[in-house]
Structure formats: C-alpha cells, structure tokens
Amino acid sequence: MNWVKENKFLTGYIAVMVIGVGALGYEVYAASSANDEASDKYTSQAAEYNRLRHLAPFPSRQNLESYDEQKKEAAEVIDAFEADLAKRAFPLEPMTPSGLQDKLKASVSAVRTKAESAGVALPD
C-alpha cells in the first residue's frame, strides 16, 4: 500500500493500461465472434450456390425451349458485338517491305521538318 501512495502516476497508468487491455481483449473477442459467424454464413451460402449451379435442369420440353431461347439470344448478342467490333477495326492495306520503308522515310522527314520549323533540336 505504501508503494501505491508513493507512485500515484505509475499506479494510475497501470490501472488505465489494465482497463485498456481488457477493453481491447473484449473488442478482439467480439470481432472474432462476428468473423466466425460471417465465415460460417459465407461457407453455407457458397455451398448452396455451388449445389444449385451444378444441378442439371429437369429434362422437360419447357426447359429445352428456354435453353434454346437463351442460346439464340447469346448468339445474337455475340453477332452484334462482332459486327460493332468489325466497324471499329482499322482497315489493313497490303504493303511490301519497300513500301514500308518509303512511308517510314516520309514520316521521319516530316517530323524533322516540323521540328526544325518549331525550333526543336532533335538528337542525331
């Protein structure tokens, strides 16, 4: 008891630390419990999703017609996407190696003349 009276600050600091550690311990326990519950819920829902995903549909005429409709819709969407993509593609022009060299030389000379007119020094 004599030590507590002599070291009031240290005693208070230790008391606050003990209370703080206790509060943090409670928070960690509560978070762990919530994590376990969420993990269990996720596991059960994932198992149910995978079970439903891998079930084979009942072989009926209605399911076959539904499957055919979905297949046709997917084919239409894919065809529309391919057509849109074909519109956006750059046209390819056949080129010989000498034609490529000629275009390259013309581009280089155009860049050099533009740089000279703008006063920009290009490296050699």
N, C-alpha and C. Protein backbone atom coordinates (compact mmCIF):
# COMPACT_ATOMS: atom_id res chain seq x y z
N MET A 1 0.82 -1.19 0.00
CA MET A 1 0.00 0.00 0.00
C MET A 1 0.86 1.25 0.00
N ASN A 2 2.01 1.17 0.62
CA ASN A 2 2.92 2.29 0.69
C ASN A 2 3.44 2.64 -0.71
N TRP A 3 3.72 1.65 -1.53
CA TRP A 3 4.23 1.86 -2.88
C TRP A 3 3.19 2.57 -3.74
N VAL A 4 1.90 2.20 -3.57
CA VAL A 4 0.82 2.81 -4.34
C VAL A 4 0.70 4.29 -4.01
N LYS A 5 0.83 4.63 -2.74
CA LYS A 5 0.74 6.04 -2.35
C LYS A 5 1.94 6.84 -2.85
N GLU A 6 3.10 6.21 -2.89
CA GLU A 6 4.30 6.92 -3.33
C GLU A 6 4.32 7.13 -4.85
N ASN A 7 3.79 6.18 -5.61
CA ASN A 7 3.83 6.24 -7.08
C ASN A 7 2.41 6.34 -7.65
N LYS A 8 1.78 7.46 -7.43
CA LYS A 8 0.39 7.64 -7.87
C LYS A 8 0.27 7.64 -9.40
N PHE A 9 1.18 8.31 -10.05
CA PHE A 9 1.11 8.35 -11.53
C PHE A 9 1.29 6.96 -12.12
N LEU A 10 2.28 6.22 -11.66
CA LEU A 10 2.54 4.89 -12.19
C LEU A 10 1.38 3.95 -11.89
N THR A 11 0.80 4.08 -10.69
CA THR A 11 -0.35 3.25 -10.33
C THR A 11 -1.54 3.57 -11.24
N GLY A 12 -1.80 4.83 -11.47
CA GLY A 12 -2.89 5.23 -12.37
C GLY A 12 -2.64 4.76 -13.79
N TYR A 13 -1.39 4.90 -14.24
CA TYR A 13 -1.04 4.46 -15.59
C TYR A 13 -1.26 2.96 -15.75
N ILE A 14 -0.83 2.18 -14.77
CA ILE A 14 -1.02 0.73 -14.82
C ILE A 14 -2.51 0.39 -14.80
N ALA A 15 -3.29 1.09 -13.99
CA ALA A 15 -4.73 0.84 -13.93
C ALA A 15 -5.39 1.14 -15.28
N VAL A 16 -5.02 2.26 -15.88
CA VAL A 16 -5.58 2.61 -17.20
C VAL A 16 -5.16 1.58 -18.24
N MET A 17 -3.93 1.12 -18.19
CA MET A 17 -3.45 0.11 -19.15
C MET A 17 -4.21 -1.20 -18.98
N VAL A 18 -4.44 -1.61 -17.74
CA VAL A 18 -5.18 -2.86 -17.50
C VAL A 18 -6.60 -2.74 -18.03
N ILE A 19 -7.24 -1.59 -17.78
CA ILE A 19 -8.60 -1.39 -18.30
C ILE A 19 -8.57 -1.36 -19.83
N GLY A 20 -7.59 -0.68 -20.41
CA GLY A 20 -7.48 -0.62 -21.87
C GLY A 20 -7.23 -1.99 -22.49
N VAL A 21 -6.36 -2.78 -21.88
CA VAL A 21 -6.09 -4.13 -22.40
C VAL A 21 -7.34 -4.98 -22.29
N GLY A 22 -8.08 -4.82 -21.20
CA GLY A 22 -9.33 -5.57 -21.04
C GLY A 22 -10.34 -5.18 -22.10
N ALA A 23 -10.47 -3.87 -22.37
CA ALA A 23 -11.40 -3.41 -23.41
C ALA A 23 -10.98 -3.91 -24.78
N LEU A 24 -9.69 -3.85 -25.08
CA LEU A 24 -9.21 -4.35 -26.37
C LEU A 24 -9.42 -5.85 -26.49
N GLY A 25 -9.22 -6.57 -25.40
CA GLY A 25 -9.47 -8.01 -25.42
C GLY A 25 -10.92 -8.32 -25.73
N TYR A 26 -11.82 -7.54 -25.12
CA TYR A 26 -13.25 -7.73 -25.40
C TYR A 26 -13.55 -7.43 -26.87
N GLU A 27 -13.00 -6.34 -27.41
CA GLU A 27 -13.24 -5.99 -28.81
C GLU A 27 -12.70 -7.06 -29.75
N VAL A 28 -11.54 -7.60 -29.45
CA VAL A 28 -10.97 -8.66 -30.29
C VAL A 28 -11.86 -9.90 -30.24
N TYR A 29 -12.34 -10.24 -29.05
CA TYR A 29 -13.22 -11.41 -28.92
C TYR A 29 -14.52 -11.20 -29.69
N ALA A 30 -15.10 -10.00 -29.58
CA ALA A 30 -16.35 -9.70 -30.30
C ALA A 30 -16.12 -9.74 -31.81
N ALA A 31 -15.01 -9.18 -32.27
CA ALA A 31 -14.71 -9.19 -33.70
C ALA A 31 -14.47 -10.61 -34.19
N SER A 32 -13.81 -11.41 -33.39
CA SER A 32 -13.57 -12.80 -33.76
C SER A 32 -14.87 -13.56 -33.87
N SER A 33 -15.78 -13.31 -32.94
CA SER A 33 -17.08 -13.96 -32.98
C SER A 33 -17.86 -13.55 -34.24
N ALA A 34 -17.85 -12.24 -34.55
CA ALA A 34 -18.54 -11.76 -35.75
C ALA A 34 -17.90 -12.34 -37.01
N ASN A 35 -16.58 -12.47 -37.01
CA ASN A 35 -15.89 -13.05 -38.15
C ASN A 35 -16.27 -14.51 -38.33
N ASP A 36 -16.35 -15.24 -37.24
CA ASP A 36 -16.74 -16.65 -37.32
C ASP A 36 -18.15 -16.79 -37.87
N GLU A 37 -19.07 -15.95 -37.41
CA GLU A 37 -20.44 -16.01 -37.90
C GLU A 37 -20.51 -15.68 -39.39
N ALA A 38 -19.80 -14.64 -39.80
CA ALA A 38 -19.81 -14.26 -41.22
C ALA A 38 -19.17 -15.35 -42.07
N SER A 39 -18.11 -15.95 -41.58
CA SER A 39 -17.44 -17.02 -42.32
C SER A 39 -18.35 -18.23 -42.47
N ASP A 40 -19.05 -18.59 -41.40
CA ASP A 40 -19.98 -19.72 -41.48
C ASP A 40 -21.11 -19.43 -42.45
N LYS A 41 -21.64 -18.21 -42.41
CA LYS A 41 -22.73 -17.83 -43.32
C LYS A 41 -22.24 -17.87 -44.77
N TYR A 42 -21.04 -17.34 -45.00
CA TYR A 42 -20.49 -17.35 -46.36
C TYR A 42 -20.28 -18.78 -46.85
N THR A 43 -19.74 -19.62 -45.99
CA THR A 43 -19.49 -21.01 -46.38
C THR A 43 -20.78 -21.73 -46.74
N SER A 44 -21.81 -21.52 -45.94
CA SER A 44 -23.08 -22.20 -46.23
C SER A 44 -23.71 -21.66 -47.51
N GLN A 45 -23.64 -20.36 -47.71
CA GLN A 45 -24.23 -19.80 -48.94
C GLN A 45 -23.42 -20.19 -50.17
N ALA A 46 -22.11 -20.27 -50.04
CA ALA A 46 -21.29 -20.69 -51.18
C ALA A 46 -21.56 -22.15 -51.52
N ALA A 47 -21.74 -22.97 -50.51
CA ALA A 47 -22.05 -24.38 -50.76
C ALA A 47 -23.40 -24.51 -51.44
N GLU A 48 -24.39 -23.73 -51.01
CA GLU A 48 -25.71 -23.77 -51.64
C GLU A 48 -25.64 -23.27 -53.08
N TYR A 49 -24.88 -22.20 -53.31
CA TYR A 49 -24.72 -21.68 -54.67
C TYR A 49 -24.08 -22.72 -55.58
N ASN A 50 -23.02 -23.36 -55.11
CA ASN A 50 -22.36 -24.37 -55.93
C ASN A 50 -23.26 -25.57 -56.17
N ARG A 51 -24.06 -25.94 -55.17
CA ARG A 51 -25.00 -27.05 -55.36
C ARG A 51 -26.02 -26.69 -56.45
N LEU A 52 -26.57 -25.49 -56.36
CA LEU A 52 -27.57 -25.08 -57.35
C LEU A 52 -26.94 -24.90 -58.73
N ARG A 53 -25.71 -24.43 -58.76
CA ARG A 53 -25.04 -24.20 -60.04
C ARG A 53 -24.74 -25.48 -60.79
N HIS A 54 -24.46 -26.55 -60.06
CA HIS A 54 -24.09 -27.79 -60.71
C HIS A 54 -25.26 -28.76 -60.87
N LEU A 55 -26.46 -28.33 -60.51
CA LEU A 55 -27.62 -29.18 -60.72
C LEU A 55 -27.96 -29.20 -62.20
N ALA A 56 -28.33 -30.36 -62.66
CA ALA A 56 -28.78 -30.48 -64.05
C ALA A 56 -30.27 -30.13 -64.08
N PRO A 57 -30.71 -29.31 -65.04
CA PRO A 57 -32.13 -28.97 -65.08
C PRO A 57 -32.97 -30.20 -65.42
N PHE A 58 -34.18 -30.17 -64.94
CA PHE A 58 -35.09 -31.29 -65.20
C PHE A 58 -35.35 -31.37 -66.71
N PRO A 59 -35.19 -32.53 -67.30
CA PRO A 59 -35.34 -32.66 -68.76
C PRO A 59 -36.80 -32.57 -69.19
N SER A 60 -37.26 -31.35 -69.41
CA SER A 60 -38.63 -31.17 -69.90
C SER A 60 -38.60 -30.34 -71.16
N ARG A 61 -39.69 -30.31 -71.85
CA ARG A 61 -39.79 -29.56 -73.10
C ARG A 61 -39.65 -28.05 -72.82
N GLN A 62 -40.23 -27.60 -71.72
CA GLN A 62 -40.15 -26.18 -71.37
C GLN A 62 -38.71 -25.75 -71.10
N ASN A 63 -37.95 -26.57 -70.38
CA ASN A 63 -36.55 -26.23 -70.11
C ASN A 63 -35.72 -26.25 -71.39
N LEU A 64 -36.02 -27.18 -72.30
CA LEU A 64 -35.30 -27.23 -73.57
C LEU A 64 -35.59 -25.98 -74.40
N GLU A 65 -36.85 -25.56 -74.44
CA GLU A 65 -37.20 -24.34 -75.19
C GLU A 65 -36.53 -23.11 -74.56
N SER A 66 -36.51 -23.05 -73.24
CA SER A 66 -35.86 -21.94 -72.55
C SER A 66 -34.36 -21.92 -72.87
N TYR A 67 -33.75 -23.09 -72.87
CA TYR A 67 -32.33 -23.20 -73.19
C TYR A 67 -32.06 -22.73 -74.62
N ASP A 68 -32.92 -23.14 -75.56
CA ASP A 68 -32.75 -22.73 -76.96
C ASP A 68 -32.90 -21.21 -77.11
N GLU A 69 -33.86 -20.61 -76.39
CA GLU A 69 -34.03 -19.15 -76.45
C GLU A 69 -32.79 -18.43 -75.92
N GLN A 70 -32.28 -18.92 -74.80
CA GLN A 70 -31.07 -18.30 -74.24
C GLN A 70 -29.90 -18.44 -75.20
N LYS A 71 -29.82 -19.58 -75.86
CA LYS A 71 -28.73 -19.82 -76.81
C LYS A 71 -28.85 -18.86 -78.00
N LYS A 72 -30.06 -18.66 -78.50
CA LYS A 72 -30.27 -17.75 -79.63
C LYS A 72 -29.97 -16.30 -79.22
N GLU A 73 -30.40 -15.91 -78.03
CA GLU A 73 -30.13 -14.55 -77.55
C GLU A 73 -28.63 -14.32 -77.42
N ALA A 74 -27.92 -15.29 -76.90
CA ALA A 74 -26.47 -15.16 -76.75
C ALA A 74 -25.81 -15.06 -78.12
N ALA A 75 -26.27 -15.85 -79.08
CA ALA A 75 -25.70 -15.80 -80.42
C ALA A 75 -25.95 -14.43 -81.06
N GLU A 76 -27.15 -13.86 -80.85
CA GLU A 76 -27.45 -12.54 -81.39
C GLU A 76 -26.55 -11.46 -80.77
N VAL A 77 -26.37 -11.53 -79.47
CA VAL A 77 -25.52 -10.54 -78.79
C VAL A 77 -24.08 -10.66 -79.29
N ILE A 78 -23.61 -11.87 -79.45
CA ILE A 78 -22.25 -12.08 -79.93
C ILE A 78 -22.09 -11.59 -81.36
N ASP A 79 -23.08 -11.87 -82.21
CA ASP A 79 -23.02 -11.39 -83.59
C ASP A 79 -23.03 -9.86 -83.65
N ALA A 80 -23.86 -9.22 -82.83
CA ALA A 80 -23.91 -7.76 -82.81
C ALA A 80 -22.57 -7.19 -82.33
N PHE A 81 -21.98 -7.82 -81.34
CA PHE A 81 -20.69 -7.36 -80.84
C PHE A 81 -19.62 -7.52 -81.91
N GLU A 82 -19.60 -8.63 -82.60
CA GLU A 82 -18.62 -8.84 -83.66
C GLU A 82 -18.79 -7.83 -84.79
N ALA A 83 -20.05 -7.51 -85.14
CA ALA A 83 -20.30 -6.52 -86.19
C ALA A 83 -19.82 -5.14 -85.75
N ASP A 84 -20.08 -4.78 -84.49
CA ASP A 84 -19.63 -3.48 -83.97
C ASP A 84 -18.11 -3.43 -83.93
N LEU A 85 -17.49 -4.52 -83.55
CA LEU A 85 -16.04 -4.58 -83.49
C LEU A 85 -15.43 -4.49 -84.89
N ALA A 86 -16.08 -5.11 -85.87
CA ALA A 86 -15.58 -5.04 -87.24
C ALA A 86 -15.64 -3.61 -87.78
N LYS A 87 -16.65 -2.83 -87.35
CA LYS A 87 -16.75 -1.44 -87.79
C LYS A 87 -15.60 -0.61 -87.24
N ARG A 88 -15.15 -0.94 -86.03
CA ARG A 88 -14.12 -0.15 -85.37
C ARG A 88 -12.70 -0.56 -85.75
N ALA A 89 -12.54 -1.65 -86.44
CA ALA A 89 -11.20 -2.15 -86.77
C ALA A 89 -10.57 -1.26 -87.85
N PHE A 90 -9.27 -1.08 -87.77
CA PHE A 90 -8.55 -0.33 -88.79
C PHE A 90 -8.44 -1.18 -90.04
N PRO A 91 -8.66 -0.58 -91.20
CA PRO A 91 -8.53 -1.36 -92.42
C PRO A 91 -7.05 -1.69 -92.69
N LEU A 92 -6.82 -2.89 -93.09
CA LEU A 92 -5.46 -3.33 -93.39
C LEU A 92 -5.20 -3.15 -94.88
N GLU A 93 -4.06 -2.58 -95.17
CA GLU A 93 -3.70 -2.44 -96.58
C GLU A 93 -2.43 -3.25 -96.82
N PRO A 94 -2.42 -3.99 -97.90
CA PRO A 94 -1.22 -4.80 -98.18
C PRO A 94 -0.04 -3.87 -98.47
N MET A 95 1.12 -4.26 -97.96
CA MET A 95 2.28 -3.41 -98.11
C MET A 95 3.52 -4.28 -98.31
N THR A 96 4.35 -3.82 -99.20
CA THR A 96 5.61 -4.52 -99.45
C THR A 96 6.67 -3.92 -98.53
N PRO A 97 7.78 -4.61 -98.34
CA PRO A 97 8.84 -4.04 -97.50
C PRO A 97 9.36 -2.70 -98.02
N SER A 98 9.46 -2.56 -99.32
CA SER A 98 9.95 -1.28 -99.85
C SER A 98 8.92 -0.18 -99.64
N GLY A 99 7.63 -0.50 -99.72
CA GLY A 99 6.58 0.49 -99.44
C GLY A 99 6.62 0.95 -98.00
N LEU A 100 6.88 0.02 -97.08
CA LEU A 100 7.01 0.37 -95.66
C LEU A 100 8.20 1.31 -95.46
N GLN A 101 9.32 1.00 -96.12
CA GLN A 101 10.50 1.86 -95.98
C GLN A 101 10.21 3.26 -96.52
N ASP A 102 9.49 3.35 -97.64
CA ASP A 102 9.16 4.66 -98.21
C ASP A 102 8.29 5.47 -97.25
N LYS A 103 7.27 4.83 -96.65
CA LYS A 103 6.39 5.54 -95.71
C LYS A 103 7.16 5.95 -94.47
N LEU A 104 8.05 5.10 -94.01
CA LEU A 104 8.86 5.40 -92.84
C LEU A 104 9.77 6.60 -93.10
N LYS A 105 10.43 6.62 -94.26
CA LYS A 105 11.30 7.75 -94.61
C LYS A 105 10.49 9.05 -94.72
N ALA A 106 9.30 8.97 -95.30
CA ALA A 106 8.45 10.16 -95.43
C ALA A 106 8.03 10.66 -94.05
N SER A 107 7.71 9.76 -93.13
CA SER A 107 7.31 10.16 -91.78
C SER A 107 8.48 10.80 -91.04
N VAL A 108 9.66 10.22 -91.17
CA VAL A 108 10.84 10.77 -90.49
C VAL A 108 11.16 12.15 -91.03
N SER A 109 11.09 12.32 -92.34
CA SER A 109 11.40 13.65 -92.90
C SER A 109 10.34 14.67 -92.50
N ALA A 110 9.07 14.25 -92.40
CA ALA A 110 8.02 15.18 -91.96
C ALA A 110 8.24 15.59 -90.51
N VAL A 111 8.64 14.69 -89.66
CA VAL A 111 8.91 15.02 -88.25
C VAL A 111 10.11 15.95 -88.15
N ARG A 112 11.13 15.70 -88.94
CA ARG A 112 12.32 16.57 -88.89
C ARG A 112 12.00 17.99 -89.35
N THR A 113 11.25 18.12 -90.44
CA THR A 113 10.91 19.47 -90.93
C THR A 113 10.01 20.19 -89.93
N LYS A 114 9.09 19.49 -89.29
CA LYS A 114 8.23 20.11 -88.30
C LYS A 114 9.03 20.53 -87.07
N ALA A 115 9.99 19.70 -86.67
CA ALA A 115 10.84 20.05 -85.53
C ALA A 115 11.71 21.25 -85.85
N GLU A 116 12.25 21.32 -87.07
CA GLU A 116 13.08 22.45 -87.46
C GLU A 116 12.27 23.74 -87.51
N SER A 117 11.04 23.65 -88.00
CA SER A 117 10.20 24.86 -88.07
C SER A 117 9.77 25.31 -86.68
N ALA A 118 9.68 24.40 -85.73
CA ALA A 118 9.31 24.76 -84.35
C ALA A 118 10.52 25.13 -83.52
N GLY A 119 11.73 24.94 -84.04
CA GLY A 119 12.94 25.29 -83.32
C GLY A 119 13.35 24.25 -82.29
N VAL A 120 12.98 23.01 -82.53
CA VAL A 120 13.32 21.93 -81.60
C VAL A 120 14.51 21.18 -82.17
N ALA A 121 15.52 20.95 -81.33
CA ALA A 121 16.71 20.23 -81.79
C ALA A 121 16.50 18.75 -81.53
N LEU A 122 16.60 17.95 -82.55
CA LEU A 122 16.47 16.51 -82.43
C LEU A 122 17.85 15.88 -82.26
N PRO A 123 17.95 14.77 -81.51
CA PRO A 123 19.24 14.08 -81.41
C PRO A 123 19.62 13.46 -82.74
N ASP A 124 20.91 13.26 -82.95
CA ASP A 124 21.38 12.69 -84.22
C ASP A 124 21.00 11.24 -84.36
